[in-house]
Amino acid sequence: MAQTVPAQPSPWQLPIMLGIFFVIFWFMVWRPQSKRAKEHKELLSAISKGDEVVTTAGIAGKVSKVTDDYVQVEVSPNVVLSFQKAAISATLPKGTLKAI
């Protein structure tokens, strides 16, 4: 009766698996998140007076004043709210607010 010796795992098996895990993590998590952050930064730098925007809270309005860190948004006639620029989540096409 011959006895079989259990196979020894390769010493490269663990580093290869960790490398594969890192590559998958980079493509599925880190890369898309950094891409979204870059797009949001570009959006914030492009905001100007007259743009129609939506905040993270869902408030839609027209930008009436832009400073370095803050944006004043007119949500209805004679009602102006101040937000940090980071609170702006998206810009809307011109005329969207009139359609609402």
C-alpha atoms as a PDB file:
ATOM      1  CA  MET A   1       0.000   0.000   0.000  1.00  0.00           C
ATOM      2  CA  ALA A   2       1.498   3.196  -1.147  1.00  0.00           C
ATOM      3  CA  GLN A   3       0.953   6.264   0.931  1.00  0.00           C
ATOM      4  CA  THR A   4       0.556   9.596  -0.804  1.00  0.00           C
ATOM      5  CA  VAL A   5       2.323  12.651   0.523  1.00  0.00           C
ATOM      6  CA  PRO A   6       0.083  15.749   0.739  1.00  0.00           C
ATOM      7  CA  ALA A   7       1.071  18.358  -1.818  1.00  0.00           C
ATOM      8  CA  GLN A   8       2.891  21.366  -0.430  1.00  0.00           C
ATOM      9  CA  PRO A   9       1.436  24.724  -1.476  1.00  0.00           C
ATOM     10  CA  SER A  10       3.692  26.854  -3.576  1.00  0.00           C
ATOM     11  CA  PRO A  11       5.468  29.635  -1.662  1.00  0.00           C
ATOM     12  CA  TRP A  12       4.208  32.028  -4.353  1.00  0.00           C
ATOM     13  CA  GLN A  13       0.556  31.163  -3.870  1.00  0.00           C
ATOM     14  CA  LEU A  14      -0.146  33.724  -1.100  1.00  0.00           C
ATOM     15  CA  PRO A  15       1.616  36.711  -2.769  1.00  0.00           C
ATOM     16  CA  ILE A  16      -0.107  35.952  -6.065  1.00  0.00           C
ATOM     17  CA  MET A  17      -3.539  35.791  -4.395  1.00  0.00           C
ATOM     18  CA  LEU A  18      -2.884  39.055  -2.529  1.00  0.00           C
ATOM     19  CA  GLY A  19      -1.816  40.696  -5.784  1.00  0.00           C
ATOM     20  CA  ILE A  20      -4.955  39.517  -7.554  1.00  0.00           C
ATOM     21  CA  PHE A  21      -7.080  40.766  -4.644  1.00  0.00           C
ATOM     22  CA  PHE A  22      -5.380  44.189  -4.794  1.00  0.00           C
ATOM     23  CA  VAL A  23      -5.957  44.484  -8.564  1.00  0.00           C
ATOM     24  CA  ILE A  24      -9.644  43.568  -8.201  1.00  0.00           C
ATOM     25  CA  PHE A  25     -10.020  46.031  -5.307  1.00  0.00           C
ATOM     26  CA  TRP A  26      -8.359  48.788  -7.337  1.00  0.00           C
ATOM     27  CA  PHE A  27     -10.562  48.275 -10.413  1.00  0.00           C
ATOM     28  CA  MET A  28     -13.850  47.846  -8.530  1.00  0.00           C
ATOM     29  CA  VAL A  29     -13.534  50.321  -5.630  1.00  0.00           C
ATOM     30  CA  TRP A  30     -10.675  52.770  -5.649  1.00  0.00           C
ATOM     31  CA  ARG A  31     -10.561  53.748  -9.340  1.00  0.00           C
ATOM     32  CA  PRO A  32     -14.307  54.516  -9.749  1.00  0.00           C
ATOM     33  CA  GLN A  33     -14.368  56.466  -6.465  1.00  0.00           C
ATOM     34  CA  SER A  34     -11.430  58.646  -7.473  1.00  0.00           C
ATOM     35  CA  LYS A  35     -13.038  59.209 -10.883  1.00  0.00           C
ATOM     36  CA  ARG A  36     -16.289  60.386  -9.238  1.00  0.00           C
ATOM     37  CA  ALA A  37     -14.347  62.677  -6.881  1.00  0.00           C
ATOM     38  CA  LYS A  38     -12.501  64.225  -9.825  1.00  0.00           C
ATOM     39  CA  GLU A  39     -15.763  64.815 -11.730  1.00  0.00           C
ATOM     40  CA  HIS A  40     -17.360  66.426  -8.641  1.00  0.00           C
ATOM     41  CA  LYS A  41     -14.345  68.710  -8.174  1.00  0.00           C
ATOM     42  CA  GLU A  42     -14.597  69.802 -11.819  1.00  0.00           C
ATOM     43  CA  LEU A  43     -18.345  70.402 -11.385  1.00  0.00           C
ATOM     44  CA  LEU A  44     -17.736  72.645  -8.373  1.00  0.00           C
ATOM     45  CA  SER A  45     -15.030  74.655 -10.107  1.00  0.00           C
ATOM     46  CA  ALA A  46     -17.317  75.249 -13.131  1.00  0.00           C
ATOM     47  CA  ILE A  47     -20.293  76.630 -11.151  1.00  0.00           C
ATOM     48  CA  SER A  48     -21.102  80.211 -12.084  1.00  0.00           C
ATOM     49  CA  LYS A  49     -23.874  82.749 -11.533  1.00  0.00           C
ATOM     50  CA  GLY A  50     -27.075  81.774 -13.355  1.00  0.00           C
ATOM     51  CA  ASP A  51     -26.483  77.997 -13.275  1.00  0.00           C
ATOM     52  CA  GLU A  52     -29.352  75.821 -12.103  1.00  0.00           C
ATOM     53  CA  VAL A  53     -28.199  73.353  -9.453  1.00  0.00           C
ATOM     54  CA  VAL A  54     -29.421  70.645  -7.088  1.00  0.00           C
ATOM     55  CA  THR A  55     -27.958  70.241  -3.605  1.00  0.00           C
ATOM     56  CA  THR A  56     -27.314  66.979  -1.805  1.00  0.00           C
ATOM     57  CA  ALA A  57     -30.471  67.676   0.218  1.00  0.00           C
ATOM     58  CA  GLY A  58     -32.523  67.815  -2.993  1.00  0.00           C
ATOM     59  CA  ILE A  59     -33.072  71.586  -3.046  1.00  0.00           C
ATOM     60  CA  ALA A  60     -33.112  72.960  -6.587  1.00  0.00           C
ATOM     61  CA  GLY A  61     -32.441  76.571  -7.418  1.00  0.00           C
ATOM     62  CA  LYS A  62     -30.532  79.115  -9.448  1.00  0.00           C
ATOM     63  CA  VAL A  63     -27.074  80.284  -8.392  1.00  0.00           C
ATOM     64  CA  SER A  64     -27.120  83.991  -7.542  1.00  0.00           C
ATOM     65  CA  LYS A  65     -23.612  84.405  -6.054  1.00  0.00           C
ATOM     66  CA  VAL A  66     -20.441  82.306  -5.955  1.00  0.00           C
ATOM     67  CA  THR A  67     -17.522  82.769  -3.547  1.00  0.00           C
ATOM     68  CA  ASP A  68     -14.510  80.557  -2.853  1.00  0.00           C
ATOM     69  CA  ASP A  69     -16.296  78.243  -0.398  1.00  0.00           C
ATOM     70  CA  TYR A  70     -19.982  79.182  -0.548  1.00  0.00           C
ATOM     71  CA  VAL A  71     -22.765  79.456  -3.106  1.00  0.00           C
ATOM     72  CA  GLN A  72     -25.981  81.436  -2.742  1.00  0.00           C
ATOM     73  CA  VAL A  73     -28.911  79.705  -4.406  1.00  0.00           C
ATOM     74  CA  GLU A  74     -32.224  81.413  -5.146  1.00  0.00           C
ATOM     75  CA  VAL A  75     -34.902  78.783  -4.571  1.00  0.00           C
ATOM     76  CA  SER A  76     -37.882  81.075  -5.184  1.00  0.00           C
ATOM     77  CA  PRO A  77     -38.333  84.815  -5.738  1.00  0.00           C
ATOM     78  CA  ASN A  78     -36.751  86.745  -2.838  1.00  0.00           C
ATOM     79  CA  VAL A  79     -35.622  83.535  -1.065  1.00  0.00           C
ATOM     80  CA  VAL A  80     -31.864  82.989  -1.164  1.00  0.00           C
ATOM     81  CA  LEU A  81     -30.102  80.172   0.696  1.00  0.00           C
ATOM     82  CA  SER A  82     -26.359  79.838   1.286  1.00  0.00           C
ATOM     83  CA  PHE A  83     -24.658  76.475   0.848  1.00  0.00           C
ATOM     84  CA  GLN A  84     -21.111  75.229   0.941  1.00  0.00           C
ATOM     85  CA  LYS A  85     -19.906  74.421  -2.549  1.00  0.00           C
ATOM     86  CA  ALA A  86     -19.461  70.780  -1.558  1.00  0.00           C
ATOM     87  CA  ALA A  87     -23.239  70.549  -0.989  1.00  0.00           C
ATOM     88  CA  ILE A  88     -23.911  70.994  -4.711  1.00  0.00           C
ATOM     89  CA  SER A  89     -24.487  67.558  -6.216  1.00  0.00           C
ATOM     90  CA  ALA A  90     -25.410  68.353  -9.830  1.00  0.00           C
ATOM     91  CA  THR A  91     -26.116  71.064 -12.338  1.00  0.00           C
ATOM     92  CA  LEU A  92     -29.340  71.099 -14.306  1.00  0.00           C
ATOM     93  CA  PRO A  93     -29.925  72.058 -17.949  1.00  0.00           C
ATOM     94  CA  LYS A  94     -31.064  75.647 -18.440  1.00  0.00           C
ATOM     95  CA  GLY A  95     -34.835  76.058 -18.090  1.00  0.00           C
ATOM     96  CA  THR A  96     -35.364  73.015 -15.900  1.00  0.00           C
ATOM     97  CA  LEU A  97     -36.634  75.062 -12.956  1.00  0.00           C
ATOM     98  CA  LYS A  98     -39.326  76.715 -15.080  1.00  0.00           C
ATOM     99  CA  ALA A  99     -40.611  73.273 -16.089  1.00  0.00           C
ATOM    100  CA  ILE A 100     -41.018  72.172 -12.486  1.00  0.00           C
END
